Amino acid sequence: MAIGIFLAIVGVILWLTTKEVETPVVSLHKAGLILAVVGAAEALFALVGLGKKAGK
Protein backbone atom coordinates (compact mmCIF):
# COMPACT_ATOMS: atom_id res chain seq x y z
CA MET A 1 0.00 0.00 0.00
CA ALA A 2 2.91 2.32 0.72
CA ILE A 3 4.23 1.94 -2.82
CA GLY A 4 0.83 2.89 -4.25
CA ILE A 5 0.65 6.00 -2.11
CA PHE A 6 4.22 6.93 -3.06
CA LEU A 7 3.47 6.49 -6.78
CA ALA A 8 0.33 8.59 -6.48
CA ILE A 9 2.21 11.42 -4.74
CA VAL A 10 5.07 11.39 -7.24
CA GLY A 11 2.58 11.27 -10.11
CA VAL A 12 0.63 14.25 -8.84
CA ILE A 13 3.84 16.23 -8.35
CA LEU A 14 4.95 15.42 -11.92
CA TRP A 15 1.51 16.21 -13.28
CA LEU A 16 1.35 19.59 -11.57
CA THR A 17 4.92 20.77 -12.18
CA THR A 18 5.78 19.63 -15.71
CA LYS A 19 3.01 21.16 -17.80
CA GLU A 20 5.37 23.25 -19.95
CA VAL A 21 8.24 20.72 -20.13
CA GLU A 22 8.73 19.28 -23.62
CA THR A 23 10.52 15.94 -24.01
CA PRO A 24 11.03 14.10 -27.32
CA VAL A 25 9.70 10.71 -26.21
CA VAL A 26 6.93 11.12 -23.66
CA SER A 27 5.15 14.04 -22.05
CA LEU A 28 6.06 14.20 -18.37
CA HIS A 29 2.70 15.82 -17.67
CA LYS A 30 0.84 12.78 -19.04
CA ALA A 31 3.28 10.33 -17.42
CA GLY A 32 2.61 11.99 -14.06
CA LEU A 33 -1.13 11.59 -14.51
CA ILE A 34 -0.72 7.91 -15.39
CA LEU A 35 1.54 7.35 -12.37
CA ALA A 36 -0.98 9.03 -10.09
CA VAL A 37 -3.85 6.88 -11.38
CA VAL A 38 -1.85 3.64 -11.19
CA GLY A 39 -0.57 4.47 -7.71
CA ALA A 40 -4.05 5.30 -6.44
CA ALA A 41 -5.44 2.08 -7.93
CA GLU A 42 -2.66 0.02 -6.36
CA ALA A 43 -3.26 1.59 -2.95
CA LEU A 44 -7.01 1.03 -3.29
CA PHE A 45 -6.59 -2.64 -4.23
CA ALA A 46 -4.19 -3.15 -1.31
CA LEU A 47 -6.71 -1.54 1.04
CA VAL A 48 -9.52 -3.76 -0.28
CA GLY A 49 -7.28 -6.81 0.12
CA LEU A 50 -6.56 -5.89 3.73
CA GLY A 51 -10.28 -5.39 4.33
CA LYS A 52 -11.09 -8.83 2.98
CA LYS A 53 -8.39 -10.43 5.16
CA ALA A 54 -9.72 -8.69 8.26
CA GLY A 55 -13.29 -9.76 7.45
CA LYS A 56 -12.45 -13.46 7.44
PDB file of N, CA and C in Angstrom:
ATOM      1  N   MET A   1       0.828  -1.188   0.000  1.00  0.00           N
ATOM      2  CA  MET A   1       0.000   0.000   0.000  1.00  0.00           C
ATOM      3  C   MET A   1       0.875   1.257   0.000  1.00  0.00           C
ATOM      4  N   ALA A   2       2.019   1.165   0.657  1.00  0.00           N
ATOM      5  CA  ALA A   2       2.911   2.322   0.720  1.00  0.00           C
ATOM      6  C   ALA A   2       3.452   2.684  -0.662  1.00  0.00           C
ATOM      7  N   ILE A   3       3.719   1.675  -1.481  1.00  0.00           N
ATOM      8  CA  ILE A   3       4.228   1.943  -2.824  1.00  0.00           C
ATOM      9  C   ILE A   3       3.164   2.652  -3.661  1.00  0.00           C
ATOM     10  N   GLY A   4       1.913   2.240  -3.527  1.00  0.00           N
ATOM     11  CA  GLY A   4       0.831   2.894  -4.250  1.00  0.00           C
ATOM     12  C   GLY A   4       0.678   4.349  -3.862  1.00  0.00           C
ATOM     13  N   ILE A   5       0.756   4.622  -2.579  1.00  0.00           N
ATOM     14  CA  ILE A   5       0.651   6.001  -2.105  1.00  0.00           C
ATOM     15  C   ILE A   5       1.830   6.830  -2.612  1.00  0.00           C
ATOM     16  N   PHE A   6       3.029   6.235  -2.571  1.00  0.00           N
ATOM     17  CA  PHE A   6       4.223   6.926  -3.055  1.00  0.00           C
ATOM     18  C   PHE A   6       4.101   7.240  -4.543  1.00  0.00           C
ATOM     19  N   LEU A   7       3.659   6.261  -5.349  1.00  0.00           N
ATOM     20  CA  LEU A   7       3.475   6.487  -6.782  1.00  0.00           C
ATOM     21  C   LEU A   7       2.445   7.579  -7.044  1.00  0.00           C
ATOM     22  N   ALA A   8       1.366   7.577  -6.289  1.00  0.00           N
ATOM     23  CA  ALA A   8       0.333   8.590  -6.475  1.00  0.00           C
ATOM     24  C   ALA A   8       0.874   9.988  -6.161  1.00  0.00           C
ATOM     25  N   ILE A   9       1.646  10.112  -5.110  1.00  0.00           N
ATOM     26  CA  ILE A   9       2.210  11.419  -4.736  1.00  0.00           C
ATOM     27  C   ILE A   9       3.195  11.901  -5.782  1.00  0.00           C
ATOM     28  N   VAL A  10       4.094  11.019  -6.220  1.00  0.00           N
ATOM     29  CA  VAL A  10       5.072  11.391  -7.245  1.00  0.00           C
ATOM     30  C   VAL A  10       4.359  11.749  -8.547  1.00  0.00           C
ATOM     31  N   GLY A  11       3.336  10.987  -8.897  1.00  0.00           N
ATOM     32  CA  GLY A  11       2.580  11.265 -10.113  1.00  0.00           C
ATOM     33  C   GLY A  11       1.899  12.617 -10.084  1.00  0.00           C
ATOM     34  N   VAL A  12       1.297  12.947  -8.963  1.00  0.00           N
ATOM     35  CA  VAL A  12       0.626  14.246  -8.843  1.00  0.00           C
ATOM     36  C   VAL A  12       1.647  15.382  -8.920  1.00  0.00           C
ATOM     37  N   ILE A  13       2.799  15.195  -8.290  1.00  0.00           N
ATOM     38  CA  ILE A  13       3.840  16.225  -8.352  1.00  0.00           C
ATOM     39  C   ILE A  13       4.309  16.423  -9.797  1.00  0.00           C
ATOM     40  N   LEU A  14       4.556  15.312 -10.508  1.00  0.00           N
ATOM     41  CA  LEU A  14       4.949  15.416 -11.915  1.00  0.00           C
ATOM     42  C   LEU A  14       3.855  16.085 -12.742  1.00  0.00           C
ATOM     43  N   TRP A  15       2.641  15.683 -12.510  1.00  0.00           N
ATOM     44  CA  TRP A  15       1.515  16.211 -13.283  1.00  0.00           C
ATOM     45  C   TRP A  15       1.352  17.719 -13.090  1.00  0.00           C
ATOM     46  N   LEU A  16       1.547  18.175 -11.860  1.00  0.00           N
ATOM     47  CA  LEU A  16       1.351  19.594 -11.568  1.00  0.00           C
ATOM     48  C   LEU A  16       2.532  20.478 -11.960  1.00  0.00           C
ATOM     49  N   THR A  17       3.738  19.923 -11.987  1.00  0.00           N
ATOM     50  CA  THR A  17       4.917  20.772 -12.176  1.00  0.00           C
ATOM     51  C   THR A  17       5.524  20.714 -13.567  1.00  0.00           C
ATOM     52  N   THR A  18       5.112  19.787 -14.422  1.00  0.00           N
ATOM     53  CA  THR A  18       5.783  19.632 -15.715  1.00  0.00           C
ATOM     54  C   THR A  18       4.862  19.922 -16.889  1.00  0.00           C
ATOM     55  N   LYS A  19       3.961  20.856 -16.726  1.00  0.00           N
ATOM     56  CA  LYS A  19       3.010  21.158 -17.797  1.00  0.00           C
ATOM     57  C   LYS A  19       3.704  21.762 -19.014  1.00  0.00           C
ATOM     58  N   GLU A  20       4.708  22.607 -18.829  1.00  0.00           N
ATOM     59  CA  GLU A  20       5.368  23.254 -19.953  1.00  0.00           C
ATOM     60  C   GLU A  20       6.636  22.544 -20.405  1.00  0.00           C
ATOM     61  N   VAL A  21       7.005  21.433 -19.781  1.00  0.00           N
ATOM     62  CA  VAL A  21       8.237  20.724 -20.129  1.00  0.00           C
ATOM     63  C   VAL A  21       7.996  19.870 -21.368  1.00  0.00           C
ATOM     64  N   GLU A  22       8.831  20.051 -22.380  1.00  0.00           N
ATOM     65  CA  GLU A  22       8.729  19.280 -23.623  1.00  0.00           C
ATOM     66  C   GLU A  22       9.862  18.256 -23.661  1.00  0.00           C
ATOM     67  N   THR A  23       9.533  16.991 -23.833  1.00  0.00           N
ATOM     68  CA  THR A  23      10.524  15.938 -24.008  1.00  0.00           C
ATOM     69  C   THR A  23      10.231  15.234 -25.332  1.00  0.00           C
ATOM     70  N   PRO A  24      11.257  14.697 -25.996  1.00  0.00           N
ATOM     71  CA  PRO A  24      11.028  14.105 -27.325  1.00  0.00           C
ATOM     72  C   PRO A  24      10.251  12.783 -27.298  1.00  0.00           C
ATOM     73  N   VAL A  25      10.298  12.037 -26.222  1.00  0.00           N
ATOM     74  CA  VAL A  25       9.699  10.707 -26.213  1.00  0.00           C
ATOM     75  C   VAL A  25       8.310  10.705 -25.597  1.00  0.00           C
ATOM     76  N   VAL A  26       8.206  11.177 -24.379  1.00  0.00           N
ATOM     77  CA  VAL A  26       6.932  11.117 -23.664  1.00  0.00           C
ATOM     78  C   VAL A  26       6.713  12.424 -22.905  1.00  0.00           C
ATOM     79  N   SER A  27       5.482  12.832 -22.800  1.00  0.00           N
ATOM     80  CA  SER A  27       5.148  14.039 -22.047  1.00  0.00           C
ATOM     81  C   SER A  27       5.160  13.721 -20.556  1.00  0.00           C
ATOM     82  N   LEU A  28       5.982  14.446 -19.805  1.00  0.00           N
ATOM     83  CA  LEU A  28       6.063  14.200 -18.366  1.00  0.00           C
ATOM     84  C   LEU A  28       4.747  14.521 -17.669  1.00  0.00           C
ATOM     85  N   HIS A  29       4.000  15.459 -18.232  1.00  0.00           N
ATOM     86  CA  HIS A  29       2.703  15.819 -17.674  1.00  0.00           C
ATOM     87  C   HIS A  29       1.748  14.618 -17.737  1.00  0.00           C
ATOM     88  N   LYS A  30       1.705  13.953 -18.886  1.00  0.00           N
ATOM     89  CA  LYS A  30       0.840  12.782 -19.040  1.00  0.00           C
ATOM     90  C   LYS A  30       1.371  11.588 -18.247  1.00  0.00           C
ATOM     91  N   ALA A  31       2.692  11.423 -18.196  1.00  0.00           N
ATOM     92  CA  ALA A  31       3.281  10.330 -17.418  1.00  0.00           C
ATOM     93  C   ALA A  31       2.956  10.498 -15.929  1.00  0.00           C
ATOM     94  N   GLY A  32       2.963  11.727 -15.452  1.00  0.00           N
ATOM     95  CA  GLY A  32       2.606  11.987 -14.055  1.00  0.00           C
ATOM     96  C   GLY A  32       1.165  11.634 -13.763  1.00  0.00           C
ATOM     97  N   LEU A  33       0.280  11.936 -14.689  1.00  0.00           N
ATOM     98  CA  LEU A  33      -1.129  11.592 -14.512  1.00  0.00           C
ATOM     99  C   LEU A  33      -1.313  10.074 -14.478  1.00  0.00           C
ATOM    100  N   ILE A  34      -0.633   9.375 -15.373  1.00  0.00           N
ATOM    101  CA  ILE A  34      -0.723   7.913 -15.387  1.00  0.00           C
ATOM    102  C   ILE A  34      -0.165   7.318 -14.103  1.00  0.00           C
ATOM    103  N   LEU A  35       0.971   7.828 -13.632  1.00  0.00           N
ATOM    104  CA  LEU A  35       1.538   7.346 -12.373  1.00  0.00           C
ATOM    105  C   LEU A  35       0.586   7.585 -11.206  1.00  0.00           C
ATOM    106  N   ALA A  36      -0.048   8.722 -11.173  1.00  0.00           N
ATOM    107  CA  ALA A  36      -0.982   9.028 -10.092  1.00  0.00           C
ATOM    108  C   ALA A  36      -2.166   8.067 -10.108  1.00  0.00           C
ATOM    109  N   VAL A  37      -2.702   7.783 -11.281  1.00  0.00           N
ATOM    110  CA  VAL A  37      -3.853   6.876 -11.385  1.00  0.00           C
ATOM    111  C   VAL A  37      -3.448   5.459 -11.002  1.00  0.00           C
ATOM    112  N   VAL A  38      -2.309   4.990 -11.508  1.00  0.00           N
ATOM    113  CA  VAL A  38      -1.851   3.635 -11.193  1.00  0.00           C
ATOM    114  C   VAL A  38      -1.534   3.504  -9.702  1.00  0.00           C
ATOM    115  N   GLY A  39      -0.892   4.505  -9.140  1.00  0.00           N
ATOM    116  CA  GLY A  39      -0.571   4.468  -7.708  1.00  0.00           C
ATOM    117  C   GLY A  39      -1.818   4.462  -6.839  1.00  0.00           C
ATOM    118  N   ALA A  40      -2.798   5.275  -7.208  1.00  0.00           N
ATOM    119  CA  ALA A  40      -4.046   5.296  -6.436  1.00  0.00           C
ATOM    120  C   ALA A  40      -4.788   3.973  -6.550  1.00  0.00           C
ATOM    121  N   ALA A  41      -4.781   3.373  -7.750  1.00  0.00           N
ATOM    122  CA  ALA A  41      -5.441   2.082  -7.932  1.00  0.00           C
ATOM    123  C   ALA A  41      -4.733   0.995  -7.126  1.00  0.00           C
ATOM    124  N   GLU A  42      -3.411   1.012  -7.117  1.00  0.00           N
ATOM    125  CA  GLU A  42      -2.662   0.021  -6.358  1.00  0.00           C
ATOM    126  C   GLU A  42      -2.937   0.155  -4.859  1.00  0.00           C
ATOM    127  N   ALA A  43      -2.965   1.377  -4.365  1.00  0.00           N
ATOM    128  CA  ALA A  43      -3.258   1.591  -2.947  1.00  0.00           C
ATOM    129  C   ALA A  43      -4.684   1.157  -2.616  1.00  0.00           C
ATOM    130  N   LEU A  44      -5.626   1.416  -3.518  1.00  0.00           N
ATOM    131  CA  LEU A  44      -7.012   1.025  -3.293  1.00  0.00           C
ATOM    132  C   LEU A  44      -7.154  -0.497  -3.255  1.00  0.00           C
ATOM    133  N   PHE A  45      -6.513  -1.184  -4.207  1.00  0.00           N
ATOM    134  CA  PHE A  45      -6.587  -2.643  -4.227  1.00  0.00           C
ATOM    135  C   PHE A  45      -5.930  -3.254  -2.993  1.00  0.00           C
ATOM    136  N   ALA A  46      -4.833  -2.663  -2.525  1.00  0.00           N
ATOM    137  CA  ALA A  46      -4.187  -3.150  -1.309  1.00  0.00           C
ATOM    138  C   ALA A  46      -5.102  -2.942  -0.103  1.00  0.00           C
ATOM    139  N   LEU A  47      -5.786  -1.819  -0.061  1.00  0.00           N
ATOM    140  CA  LEU A  47      -6.711  -1.543   1.037  1.00  0.00           C
ATOM    141  C   LEU A  47      -7.888  -2.511   1.026  1.00  0.00           C
ATOM    142  N   VAL A  48      -8.414  -2.801  -0.167  1.00  0.00           N
ATOM    143  CA  VAL A  48      -9.516  -3.759  -0.284  1.00  0.00           C
ATOM    144  C   VAL A  48      -9.051  -5.146   0.131  1.00  0.00           C
ATOM    145  N   GLY A  49      -7.833  -5.520  -0.267  1.00  0.00           N
ATOM    146  CA  GLY A  49      -7.284  -6.813   0.122  1.00  0.00           C
ATOM    147  C   GLY A  49      -7.120  -6.940   1.631  1.00  0.00           C
ATOM    148  N   LEU A  50      -6.685  -5.873   2.269  1.00  0.00           N
ATOM    149  CA  LEU A  50      -6.556  -5.889   3.730  1.00  0.00           C
ATOM    150  C   LEU A  50      -7.930  -5.983   4.393  1.00  0.00           C
ATOM    151  N   GLY A  51      -8.909  -5.320   3.792  1.00  0.00           N
ATOM    152  CA  GLY A  51     -10.276  -5.387   4.334  1.00  0.00           C
ATOM    153  C   GLY A  51     -10.855  -6.779   4.232  1.00  0.00           C
ATOM    154  N   LYS A  52     -10.591  -7.468   3.144  1.00  0.00           N
ATOM    155  CA  LYS A  52     -11.087  -8.829   2.977  1.00  0.00           C
ATOM    156  C   LYS A  52     -10.410  -9.789   3.944  1.00  0.00           C
ATOM    157  N   LYS A  53      -9.110  -9.581   4.201  1.00  0.00           N
ATOM    158  CA  LYS A  53      -8.390 -10.432   5.158  1.00  0.00           C
ATOM    159  C   LYS A  53      -8.930 -10.230   6.572  1.00  0.00           C
ATOM    160  N   ALA A  54      -9.235  -8.993   6.921  1.00  0.00           N
ATOM    161  CA  ALA A  54      -9.722  -8.691   8.262  1.00  0.00           C
ATOM    162  C   ALA A  54     -11.144  -9.217   8.451  1.00  0.00           C
ATOM    163  N   GLY A  55     -11.909  -9.298   7.366  1.00  0.00           N
ATOM    164  CA  GLY A  55     -13.293  -9.759   7.445  1.00  0.00           C
ATOM    165  C   GLY A  55     -13.411 -11.259   7.651  1.00  0.00           C
ATOM    166  N   LYS A  56     -12.378 -12.006   7.321  1.00  0.00           N
ATOM    167  CA  LYS A  56     -12.446 -13.460   7.441  1.00  0.00           C
ATOM    168  C   LYS A  56     -12.192 -13.950   8.822  1.00  0.00           C
TER     169      LYS A  56
END
